[in-house]
PDB file of N, CA and C in Angstrom:
ATOM      1  N   MET A   1     -17.645   2.288   2.580  1.00  0.00           N
ATOM      2  CA  MET A   1     -18.425   3.579   2.571  1.00  0.00           C
ATOM      3  C   MET A   1     -19.112   3.397   1.212  1.00  0.00           C
ATOM      4  N   GLN A   2     -20.397   3.325   1.201  1.00  0.00           N
ATOM      5  CA  GLN A   2     -21.142   4.037   0.448  1.00  0.00           C
ATOM      6  C   GLN A   2     -22.313   5.107   0.506  1.00  0.00           C
ATOM      7  N   LEU A   3     -22.653   5.843  -0.676  1.00  0.00           N
ATOM      8  CA  LEU A   3     -23.945   6.472  -0.206  1.00  0.00           C
ATOM      9  C   LEU A   3     -25.071   6.401  -0.277  1.00  0.00           C
ATOM     10  N   SER A   4     -26.073   6.084   0.354  1.00  0.00           N
ATOM     11  CA  SER A   4     -27.217   5.575  -0.091  1.00  0.00           C
ATOM     12  C   SER A   4     -28.213   6.512  -0.685  1.00  0.00           C
ATOM     13  N   VAL A   5     -29.176   6.275  -1.226  1.00  0.00           N
ATOM     14  CA  VAL A   5     -30.313   6.981  -2.384  1.00  0.00           C
ATOM     15  C   VAL A   5     -30.215   8.451  -1.572  1.00  0.00           C
ATOM     16  N   ASN A   6     -30.771   8.303  -0.552  1.00  0.00           N
ATOM     17  CA  ASN A   6     -30.984   9.765  -0.148  1.00  0.00           C
ATOM     18  C   ASN A   6     -29.952  10.678   0.730  1.00  0.00           C
ATOM     19  N   GLY A   7     -28.346  10.267   0.437  1.00  0.00           N
ATOM     20  CA  GLY A   7     -27.446  11.048   0.479  1.00  0.00           C
ATOM     21  C   GLY A   7     -26.784  10.739   2.131  1.00  0.00           C
ATOM     22  N   THR A   8     -27.376  10.014   2.678  1.00  0.00           N
ATOM     23  CA  THR A   8     -26.638   9.465   4.027  1.00  0.00           C
ATOM     24  C   THR A   8     -25.678   8.567   3.342  1.00  0.00           C
ATOM     25  N   VAL A   9     -24.852   8.388   4.644  1.00  0.00           N
ATOM     26  CA  VAL A   9     -23.433   7.499   4.497  1.00  0.00           C
ATOM     27  C   VAL A   9     -24.018   6.082   5.036  1.00  0.00           C
ATOM     28  N   ILE A  10     -23.639   4.791   4.537  1.00  0.00           N
ATOM     29  CA  ILE A  10     -23.512   3.444   4.971  1.00  0.00           C
ATOM     30  C   ILE A  10     -21.987   3.170   5.183  1.00  0.00           C
ATOM     31  N   PHE A  11     -21.844   2.867   6.403  1.00  0.00           N
ATOM     32  CA  PHE A  11     -20.490   2.440   6.567  1.00  0.00           C
ATOM     33  C   PHE A  11     -20.265   0.834   6.908  1.00  0.00           C
ATOM     34  N   GLU A  12     -19.835   0.590   5.860  1.00  0.00           N
ATOM     35  CA  GLU A  12     -19.344  -0.678   5.535  1.00  0.00           C
ATOM     36  C   GLU A  12     -18.109  -1.561   6.484  1.00  0.00           C
ATOM     37  N   GLN A  13     -18.053  -2.660   7.009  1.00  0.00           N
ATOM     38  CA  GLN A  13     -16.910  -3.321   8.215  1.00  0.00           C
ATOM     39  C   GLN A  13     -15.860  -3.224   6.874  1.00  0.00           C
ATOM     40  N   LEU A  14     -14.556  -3.026   7.661  1.00  0.00           N
ATOM     41  CA  LEU A  14     -13.389  -3.431   6.897  1.00  0.00           C
ATOM     42  C   LEU A  14     -13.104  -4.861   6.836  1.00  0.00           C
ATOM     43  N   ASN A  15     -12.660  -5.613   5.385  1.00  0.00           N
ATOM     44  CA  ASN A  15     -11.969  -6.632   5.497  1.00  0.00           C
ATOM     45  C   ASN A  15     -10.738  -6.307   6.195  1.00  0.00           C
ATOM     46  N   LYS A  16      -9.823  -7.815   6.183  1.00  0.00           N
ATOM     47  CA  LYS A  16      -8.506  -8.220   7.232  1.00  0.00           C
ATOM     48  C   LYS A  16      -7.919  -7.335   6.532  1.00  0.00           C
ATOM     49  N   THR A  17      -7.515  -7.149   5.198  1.00  0.00           N
ATOM     50  CA  THR A  17      -6.532  -6.616   4.455  1.00  0.00           C
ATOM     51  C   THR A  17      -6.644  -5.063   4.716  1.00  0.00           C
ATOM     52  N   GLN A  18      -8.031  -4.034   4.822  1.00  0.00           N
ATOM     53  CA  GLN A  18      -8.161  -2.850   4.692  1.00  0.00           C
ATOM     54  C   GLN A  18      -7.675  -2.603   6.183  1.00  0.00           C
ATOM     55  N   ALA A  19      -8.607  -3.652   7.205  1.00  0.00           N
ATOM     56  CA  ALA A  19      -8.331  -3.226   8.662  1.00  0.00           C
ATOM     57  C   ALA A  19      -7.137  -3.083   9.089  1.00  0.00           C
ATOM     58  N   SER A  20      -5.791  -3.891   8.117  1.00  0.00           N
ATOM     59  CA  SER A  20      -4.530  -3.993   8.403  1.00  0.00           C
ATOM     60  C   SER A  20      -3.852  -2.717   8.134  1.00  0.00           C
ATOM     61  N   PHE A  21      -4.093  -2.382   6.906  1.00  0.00           N
ATOM     62  CA  PHE A  21      -3.812  -1.413   6.388  1.00  0.00           C
ATOM     63  C   PHE A  21      -4.062  -0.194   7.155  1.00  0.00           C
ATOM     64  N   ALA A  22      -5.205   0.147   7.384  1.00  0.00           N
ATOM     65  CA  ALA A  22      -5.651   1.392   8.513  1.00  0.00           C
ATOM     66  C   ALA A  22      -4.680   1.273   9.712  1.00  0.00           C
ATOM     67  N   GLU A  23      -4.715   0.150  10.407  1.00  0.00           N
ATOM     68  CA  GLU A  23      -3.388   0.179  11.725  1.00  0.00           C
ATOM     69  C   GLU A  23      -2.387   0.321  11.273  1.00  0.00           C
ATOM     70  N   GLU A  24      -2.247   0.277  10.190  1.00  0.00           N
ATOM     71  CA  GLU A  24      -0.414   0.558   9.816  1.00  0.00           C
ATOM     72  C   GLU A  24      -0.625   2.032   9.617  1.00  0.00           C
ATOM     73  N   LEU A  25      -1.460   2.627   8.996  1.00  0.00           N
ATOM     74  CA  LEU A  25      -1.268   4.165   8.862  1.00  0.00           C
ATOM     75  C   LEU A  25      -1.624   5.082  10.155  1.00  0.00           C
ATOM     76  N   ILE A  26      -2.701   4.569  10.839  1.00  0.00           N
ATOM     77  CA  ILE A  26      -2.751   5.150  12.090  1.00  0.00           C
ATOM     78  C   ILE A  26      -1.209   5.008  13.321  1.00  0.00           C
ATOM     79  N   SER A  27      -0.779   4.138  12.967  1.00  0.00           N
ATOM     80  CA  SER A  27       0.670   3.792  13.680  1.00  0.00           C
ATOM     81  C   SER A  27       1.464   4.722  13.013  1.00  0.00           C
ATOM     82  N   TYR A  28       1.899   4.771  12.168  1.00  0.00           N
ATOM     83  CA  TYR A  28       2.540   5.897  11.451  1.00  0.00           C
ATOM     84  C   TYR A  28       2.093   7.426  11.904  1.00  0.00           C
ATOM     85  N   TRP A  29       0.993   7.410  11.763  1.00  0.00           N
ATOM     86  CA  TRP A  29       0.099   8.940  12.287  1.00  0.00           C
ATOM     87  C   TRP A  29       0.690   9.219  13.592  1.00  0.00           C
ATOM     88  N   VAL A  30       0.150   8.136  14.643  1.00  0.00           N
ATOM     89  CA  VAL A  30       0.400   8.642  16.053  1.00  0.00           C
ATOM     90  C   VAL A  30       1.707   8.786  16.397  1.00  0.00           C
ATOM     91  N   SER A  31       2.515   7.552  15.501  1.00  0.00           N
ATOM     92  CA  SER A  31       4.028   7.710  15.833  1.00  0.00           C
ATOM     93  C   SER A  31       4.380   9.083  15.925  1.00  0.00           C
ATOM     94  N   PHE A  32       4.121   9.884  14.747  1.00  0.00           N
ATOM     95  CA  PHE A  32       4.671  11.143  14.195  1.00  0.00           C
ATOM     96  C   PHE A  32       4.087  12.379  15.058  1.00  0.00           C
ATOM     97  N   VAL A  33       2.557  11.989  15.553  1.00  0.00           N
ATOM     98  CA  VAL A  33       2.637  13.109  16.209  1.00  0.00           C
ATOM     99  C   VAL A  33       2.985  13.195  17.671  1.00  0.00           C
ATOM    100  N   ARG A  34       3.064  12.036  18.102  1.00  0.00           N
ATOM    101  CA  ARG A  34       3.614  11.972  19.475  1.00  0.00           C
ATOM    102  C   ARG A  34       5.110  12.088  19.602  1.00  0.00           C
ATOM    103  N   THR A  35       6.245  12.270  18.826  1.00  0.00           N
ATOM    104  CA  THR A  35       7.170  11.897  18.904  1.00  0.00           C
ATOM    105  C   THR A  35       7.860  12.867  17.513  1.00  0.00           C
ATOM    106  N   GLY A  36       7.186  13.156  16.423  1.00  0.00           N
ATOM    107  CA  GLY A  36       7.812  13.975  15.330  1.00  0.00           C
ATOM    108  C   GLY A  36       8.549  13.056  14.594  1.00  0.00           C
ATOM    109  N   ASP A  37       8.633  11.510  14.660  1.00  0.00           N
ATOM    110  CA  ASP A  37       9.496  10.353  13.873  1.00  0.00           C
ATOM    111  C   ASP A  37       7.982   9.672  13.636  1.00  0.00           C
ATOM    112  N   PRO A  38       7.824   9.090  12.373  1.00  0.00           N
ATOM    113  CA  PRO A  38       6.958   7.915  12.422  1.00  0.00           C
ATOM    114  C   PRO A  38       7.233   6.808  12.417  1.00  0.00           C
ATOM    115  N   ASN A  39       8.465   6.422  12.429  1.00  0.00           N
ATOM    116  CA  ASN A  39       9.214   5.107  12.913  1.00  0.00           C
ATOM    117  C   ASN A  39       9.073   4.999  14.256  1.00  0.00           C
ATOM    118  N   VAL A  40       8.964   5.497  15.185  1.00  0.00           N
ATOM    119  CA  VAL A  40       9.145   5.176  16.914  1.00  0.00           C
ATOM    120  C   VAL A  40       8.462   4.138  16.993  1.00  0.00           C
ATOM    121  N   GLU A  41       6.747   4.002  16.706  1.00  0.00           N
ATOM    122  CA  GLU A  41       5.831   3.448  17.078  1.00  0.00           C
ATOM    123  C   GLU A  41       5.140   3.114  15.762  1.00  0.00           C
ATOM    124  N   ARG A  42       6.133   2.397  14.982  1.00  0.00           N
ATOM    125  CA  ARG A  42       5.308   1.792  14.093  1.00  0.00           C
ATOM    126  C   ARG A  42       5.152   0.481  13.999  1.00  0.00           C
ATOM    127  N   LEU A  43       4.642  -0.411  13.330  1.00  0.00           N
ATOM    128  CA  LEU A  43       4.328  -1.285  13.368  1.00  0.00           C
ATOM    129  C   LEU A  43       5.754  -2.016  13.149  1.00  0.00           C
ATOM    130  N   PRO A  44       6.027  -3.449  13.940  1.00  0.00           N
ATOM    131  CA  PRO A  44       7.358  -4.253  13.433  1.00  0.00           C
ATOM    132  C   PRO A  44       6.899  -4.366  11.817  1.00  0.00           C
ATOM    133  N   ARG A  45       5.926  -4.533  11.137  1.00  0.00           N
ATOM    134  CA  ARG A  45       6.040  -5.049   9.534  1.00  0.00           C
ATOM    135  C   ARG A  45       6.007  -4.117   8.702  1.00  0.00           C
ATOM    136  N   SER A  46       6.099  -2.759   9.556  1.00  0.00           N
ATOM    137  CA  SER A  46       6.023  -1.742   8.174  1.00  0.00           C
ATOM    138  C   SER A  46       7.324  -1.190   8.282  1.00  0.00           C
ATOM    139  N   PRO A  47       7.659  -1.028   7.163  1.00  0.00           N
ATOM    140  CA  PRO A  47       8.901  -0.732   6.664  1.00  0.00           C
ATOM    141  C   PRO A  47       9.317   1.027   7.270  1.00  0.00           C
ATOM    142  N   ILE A  48      10.746   1.311   7.425  1.00  0.00           N
ATOM    143  CA  ILE A  48      11.003   2.452   8.174  1.00  0.00           C
ATOM    144  C   ILE A  48      11.071   3.160   7.367  1.00  0.00           C
ATOM    145  N   TRP A  49      10.234   4.582   7.658  1.00  0.00           N
ATOM    146  CA  TRP A  49       9.983   5.807   6.734  1.00  0.00           C
ATOM    147  C   TRP A  49      11.023   6.693   6.967  1.00  0.00           C
ATOM    148  N   SER A  50      12.049   6.323   5.689  1.00  0.00           N
ATOM    149  CA  SER A  50      13.250   7.243   5.765  1.00  0.00           C
ATOM    150  C   SER A  50      12.920   9.095   5.426  1.00  0.00           C
ATOM    151  N   GLN A  51      13.439   9.400   6.011  1.00  0.00           N
ATOM    152  CA  GLN A  51      13.575  11.088   5.745  1.00  0.00           C
ATOM    153  C   GLN A  51      13.785  11.499   4.077  1.00  0.00           C
ATOM    154  N   TYR A  52      13.053  12.093   3.762  1.00  0.00           N
ATOM    155  CA  TYR A  52      13.000  12.553   2.601  1.00  0.00           C
ATOM    156  C   TYR A  52      13.729  13.865   2.314  1.00  0.00           C
ATOM    157  N   THR A  53      14.848  13.892   1.458  1.00  0.00           N
ATOM    158  CA  THR A  53      16.020  15.209   1.278  1.00  0.00           C
ATOM    159  C   THR A  53      15.961  14.863  -0.357  1.00  0.00           C
ATOM    160  N   LEU A  54      16.630  16.758  -0.669  1.00  0.00           N
ATOM    161  CA  LEU A  54      16.974  16.810  -2.045  1.00  0.00           C
ATOM    162  C   LEU A  54      18.091  15.800  -2.409  1.00  0.00           C
ATOM    163  N   ALA A  55      19.017  15.274  -1.566  1.00  0.00           N
ATOM    164  CA  ALA A  55      19.926  14.364  -1.744  1.00  0.00           C
ATOM    165  C   ALA A  55      19.276  12.969  -2.044  1.00  0.00           C
ATOM    166  N   ASP A  56      17.962  12.332  -1.354  1.00  0.00           N
ATOM    167  CA  ASP A  56      17.981  11.302  -1.105  1.00  0.00           C
ATOM    168  C   ASP A  56      16.497  11.194  -1.405  1.00  0.00           C
ATOM    169  N   ARG A  57      16.112  11.172  -2.278  1.00  0.00           N
ATOM    170  CA  ARG A  57      14.580  11.272  -2.600  1.00  0.00           C
ATOM    171  C   ARG A  57      13.582  10.370  -2.471  1.00  0.00           C
ATOM    172  N   LYS A  58      14.138   9.267  -1.599  1.00  0.00           N
ATOM    173  CA  LYS A  58      13.065   8.726  -1.349  1.00  0.00           C
ATOM    174  C   LYS A  58      11.654   8.848  -0.710  1.00  0.00           C
ATOM    175  N   ARG A  59      10.682   8.523  -1.089  1.00  0.00           N
ATOM    176  CA  ARG A  59       9.489   8.608  -0.196  1.00  0.00           C
ATOM    177  C   ARG A  59       8.617   7.279  -0.132  1.00  0.00           C
ATOM    178  N   MET A  60       7.925   7.772   0.768  1.00  0.00           N
ATOM    179  CA  MET A  60       7.034   6.465   1.330  1.00  0.00           C
ATOM    180  C   MET A  60       5.912   6.375   0.206  1.00  0.00           C
ATOM    181  N   VAL A  61       5.441   5.019  -0.078  1.00  0.00           N
ATOM    182  CA  VAL A  61       4.243   4.881  -1.020  1.00  0.00           C
ATOM    183  C   VAL A  61       3.363   3.800   0.073  1.00  0.00           C
ATOM    184  N   LEU A  62       2.380   4.460   0.727  1.00  0.00           N
ATOM    185  CA  LEU A  62       1.244   4.161   1.492  1.00  0.00           C
ATOM    186  C   LEU A  62       0.297   3.166   1.143  1.00  0.00           C
ATOM    187  N   GLN A  63       0.388   1.461   1.178  1.00  0.00           N
ATOM    188  CA  GLN A  63      -0.846   0.799   0.293  1.00  0.00           C
ATOM    189  C   GLN A  63      -1.083  -0.189   0.856  1.00  0.00           C
ATOM    190  N   GLN A  64      -2.181  -0.912   0.672  1.00  0.00           N
ATOM    191  CA  GLN A  64      -2.490  -2.180   1.375  1.00  0.00           C
ATOM    192  C   GLN A  64      -1.654  -3.511   0.915  1.00  0.00           C
ATOM    193  N   SER A  65      -1.400  -4.687   1.434  1.00  0.00           N
ATOM    194  CA  SER A  65      -0.399  -5.451   1.395  1.00  0.00           C
ATOM    195  C   SER A  65      -1.257  -6.371   0.190  1.00  0.00           C
ATOM    196  N   ARG A  66      -0.603  -6.947  -1.049  1.00  0.00           N
ATOM    197  CA  ARG A  66      -1.484  -7.904  -1.868  1.00  0.00           C
ATOM    198  C   ARG A  66      -1.059  -9.376  -1.241  1.00  0.00           C
ATOM    199  N   LYS A  67      -0.326  -9.543  -0.015  1.00  0.00           N
ATOM    200  CA  LYS A  67      -0.258 -10.604   0.311  1.00  0.00           C
ATOM    201  C   LYS A  67      -0.858 -10.846   1.351  1.00  0.00           C
ATOM    202  N   THR A  68      -0.849 -10.886   2.592  1.00  0.00           N
ATOM    203  CA  THR A  68      -1.635 -11.017   3.773  1.00  0.00           C
ATOM    204  C   THR A  68      -1.609 -10.201   4.897  1.00  0.00           C
ATOM    205  N   GLU A  69      -2.341  -9.922   5.645  1.00  0.00           N
ATOM    206  CA  GLU A  69      -2.530  -9.032   6.569  1.00  0.00           C
ATOM    207  C   GLU A  69      -1.568  -8.880   7.363  1.00  0.00           C
ATOM    208  N   GLU A  70      -0.376 -10.142   7.589  1.00  0.00           N
ATOM    209  CA  GLU A  70       0.839  -9.888   8.494  1.00  0.00           C
ATOM    210  C   GLU A  70       2.083  -9.490   7.850  1.00  0.00           C
ATOM    211  N   HIS A  71       1.817  -8.378   6.503  1.00  0.00           N
ATOM    212  CA  HIS A  71       2.834  -7.917   5.286  1.00  0.00           C
ATOM    213  C   HIS A  71       2.226  -6.616   5.420  1.00  0.00           C
ATOM    214  N   SER A  72       3.493  -5.723   4.977  1.00  0.00           N
ATOM    215  CA  SER A  72       2.959  -4.510   4.615  1.00  0.00           C
ATOM    216  C   SER A  72       3.060  -4.559   3.293  1.00  0.00           C
ATOM    217  N   GLY A  73       1.908  -3.741   2.866  1.00  0.00           N
ATOM    218  CA  GLY A  73       2.189  -3.081   1.164  1.00  0.00           C
ATOM    219  C   GLY A  73       3.127  -2.182   0.563  1.00  0.00           C
ATOM    220  N   SER A  74       3.480  -1.524   2.357  1.00  0.00           N
ATOM    221  CA  SER A  74       3.936  -0.007   2.076  1.00  0.00           C
ATOM    222  C   SER A  74       5.358  -0.207   1.307  1.00  0.00           C
ATOM    223  N   ILE A  75       5.935   0.786   0.469  1.00  0.00           N
ATOM    224  CA  ILE A  75       7.104   0.780   0.122  1.00  0.00           C
ATOM    225  C   ILE A  75       8.098   1.835   0.009  1.00  0.00           C
ATOM    226  N   LEU A  76       9.046   1.898   0.150  1.00  0.00           N
ATOM    227  CA  LEU A  76      10.089   3.323  -0.265  1.00  0.00           C
ATOM    228  C   LEU A  76      10.292   3.143  -1.803  1.00  0.00           C
ATOM    229  N   GLU A  77      10.227   4.250  -2.347  1.00  0.00           N
ATOM    230  CA  GLU A  77      10.600   4.416  -3.915  1.00  0.00           C
ATOM    231  C   GLU A  77      11.338   5.732  -3.958  1.00  0.00           C
ATOM    232  N   ILE A  78      11.916   5.687  -5.112  1.00  0.00           N
ATOM    233  CA  ILE A  78      12.758   6.933  -5.348  1.00  0.00           C
ATOM    234  C   ILE A  78      12.045   7.903  -6.214  1.00  0.00           C
ATOM    235  N   GLU A  79      11.800   9.283  -6.144  1.00  0.00           N
ATOM    236  CA  GLU A  79      11.185  10.353  -6.990  1.00  0.00           C
ATOM    237  C   GLU A  79      11.835  10.208  -8.361  1.00  0.00           C
ATOM    238  N   SER A  80      10.988  10.473  -9.358  1.00  0.00           N
ATOM    239  CA  SER A  80      11.863  10.506 -10.597  1.00  0.00           C
ATOM    240  C   SER A  80      12.101  11.955 -11.029  1.00  0.00           C
ATOM    241  N   SER A  81      13.055  12.069 -11.887  1.00  0.00           N
ATOM    242  CA  SER A  81      13.469  13.388 -12.109  1.00  0.00           C
ATOM    243  C   SER A  81      12.606  14.265 -12.665  1.00  0.00           C
ATOM    244  N   ALA A  82      11.331  13.865 -13.243  1.00  0.00           N
ATOM    245  CA  ALA A  82      10.736  14.271 -13.828  1.00  0.00           C
ATOM    246  C   ALA A  82       9.244  14.938 -12.837  1.00  0.00           C
ATOM    247  N   GLU A  83       9.180  14.197 -11.946  1.00  0.00           N
ATOM    248  CA  GLU A  83       7.933  14.206 -10.682  1.00  0.00           C
ATOM    249  C   GLU A  83       8.717  15.562  -9.655  1.00  0.00           C
ATOM    250  N   THR A  84      10.192  15.569 -10.244  1.00  0.00           N
ATOM    251  CA  THR A  84      10.681  16.273  -9.003  1.00  0.00           C
ATOM    252  C   THR A  84      10.656  17.878  -9.667  1.00  0.00           C
ATOM    253  N   ARG A  85      10.679  17.694 -11.494  1.00  0.00           N
ATOM    254  CA  ARG A  85      10.587  19.370 -12.005  1.00  0.00           C
ATOM    255  C   ARG A  85       8.986  19.738 -11.684  1.00  0.00           C
ATOM    256  N   ARG A  86       8.233  18.534 -11.693  1.00  0.00           N
ATOM    257  CA  ARG A  86       6.979  18.702 -11.695  1.00  0.00           C
ATOM    258  C   ARG A  86       6.384  19.880 -10.329  1.00  0.00           C
ATOM    259  N   CYS A  87       7.106  19.208  -9.552  1.00  0.00           N
ATOM    260  CA  CYS A  87       6.675  19.579  -7.970  1.00  0.00           C
ATOM    261  C   CYS A  87       7.258  20.965  -7.732  1.00  0.00           C
ATOM    262  N   LEU A  88       8.344  21.292  -8.538  1.00  0.00           N
ATOM    263  CA  LEU A  88       9.455  22.200  -8.276  1.00  0.00           C
ATOM    264  C   LEU A  88       8.351  23.564  -8.980  1.00  0.00           C
ATOM    265  N   VAL A  89       7.818  23.040 -10.278  1.00  0.00           N
ATOM    266  CA  VAL A  89       7.055  24.412 -10.883  1.00  0.00           C
ATOM    267  C   VAL A  89       5.617  24.199 -10.077  1.00  0.00           C
ATOM    268  N   VAL A  90       4.997  23.429  -8.893  1.00  0.00           N
ATOM    269  CA  VAL A  90       4.259  23.756  -8.467  1.00  0.00           C
ATOM    270  C   VAL A  90       4.186  24.648  -7.340  1.00  0.00           C
ATOM    271  N   ALA A  91       5.605  23.992  -6.686  1.00  0.00           N
ATOM    272  CA  ALA A  91       5.971  24.977  -5.607  1.00  0.00           C
ATOM    273  C   ALA A  91       6.128  26.571  -5.920  1.00  0.00           C
ATOM    274  N   SER A  92       6.896  26.635  -7.338  1.00  0.00           N
ATOM    275  CA  SER A  92       7.133  27.890  -7.367  1.00  0.00           C
ATOM    276  C   SER A  92       5.717  28.740  -7.486  1.00  0.00           C
ATOM    277  N   GLN A  93       4.891  28.065  -7.952  1.00  0.00           N
ATOM    278  CA  GLN A  93       3.616  29.024  -7.940  1.00  0.00           C
ATOM    279  C   GLN A  93       2.804  29.266  -6.944  1.00  0.00           C
ATOM    280  N   ALA A  94       3.249  28.707  -5.757  1.00  0.00           N
ATOM    281  CA  ALA A  94       2.598  28.767  -4.401  1.00  0.00           C
ATOM    282  C   ALA A  94       2.246  30.164  -3.630  1.00  0.00           C
ATOM    283  N   SER A  95       3.280  31.062  -3.847  1.00  0.00           N
ATOM    284  CA  SER A  95       3.369  32.509  -3.363  1.00  0.00           C
ATOM    285  C   SER A  95       2.296  33.100  -4.250  1.00  0.00           C
ATOM    286  N   VAL A  96       2.459  32.825  -5.330  1.00  0.00           N
ATOM    287  CA  VAL A  96       1.597  33.938  -6.676  1.00  0.00           C
ATOM    288  C   VAL A  96       0.010  33.873  -6.622  1.00  0.00           C
ATOM    289  N   GLN A  97      -0.383  32.235  -6.172  1.00  0.00           N
ATOM    290  CA  GLN A  97      -1.715  31.813  -6.651  1.00  0.00           C
ATOM    291  C   GLN A  97      -2.259  32.144  -5.308  1.00  0.00           C
ATOM    292  N   GLN A  98      -3.974  32.153  -5.530  1.00  0.00           N
ATOM    293  CA  GLN A  98      -4.645  32.708  -4.342  1.00  0.00           C
ATOM    294  C   GLN A  98      -5.826  31.095  -4.281  1.00  0.00           C
ATOM    295  N   ASN A  99      -6.157  30.941  -3.230  1.00  0.00           N
ATOM    296  CA  ASN A  99      -6.857  30.196  -3.030  1.00  0.00           C
ATOM    297  C   ASN A  99      -8.799  30.535  -3.324  1.00  0.00           C
TER     298      ASN A  99
END
């Protein structure tokens, strides 16, 4: 997508990698909306999205594949302790800050 000179939007066709990634995101999202679990209707190429807990701080990194459209680029990673601390600071401010 790009903006034209007059501010309107010009939509461009997705390439195969982008379309594959969009398909993966949509599958996770539709599965979550329908069942409450992003894994039920995920694509076979997509990794299982494990539940994030304080004891197991694995989070999903959604990204395009660098290989082919038949592979997922998404991975699970462990949240670093520095990121956890930063998130706790931000979360602690939620009730005292206004929009």
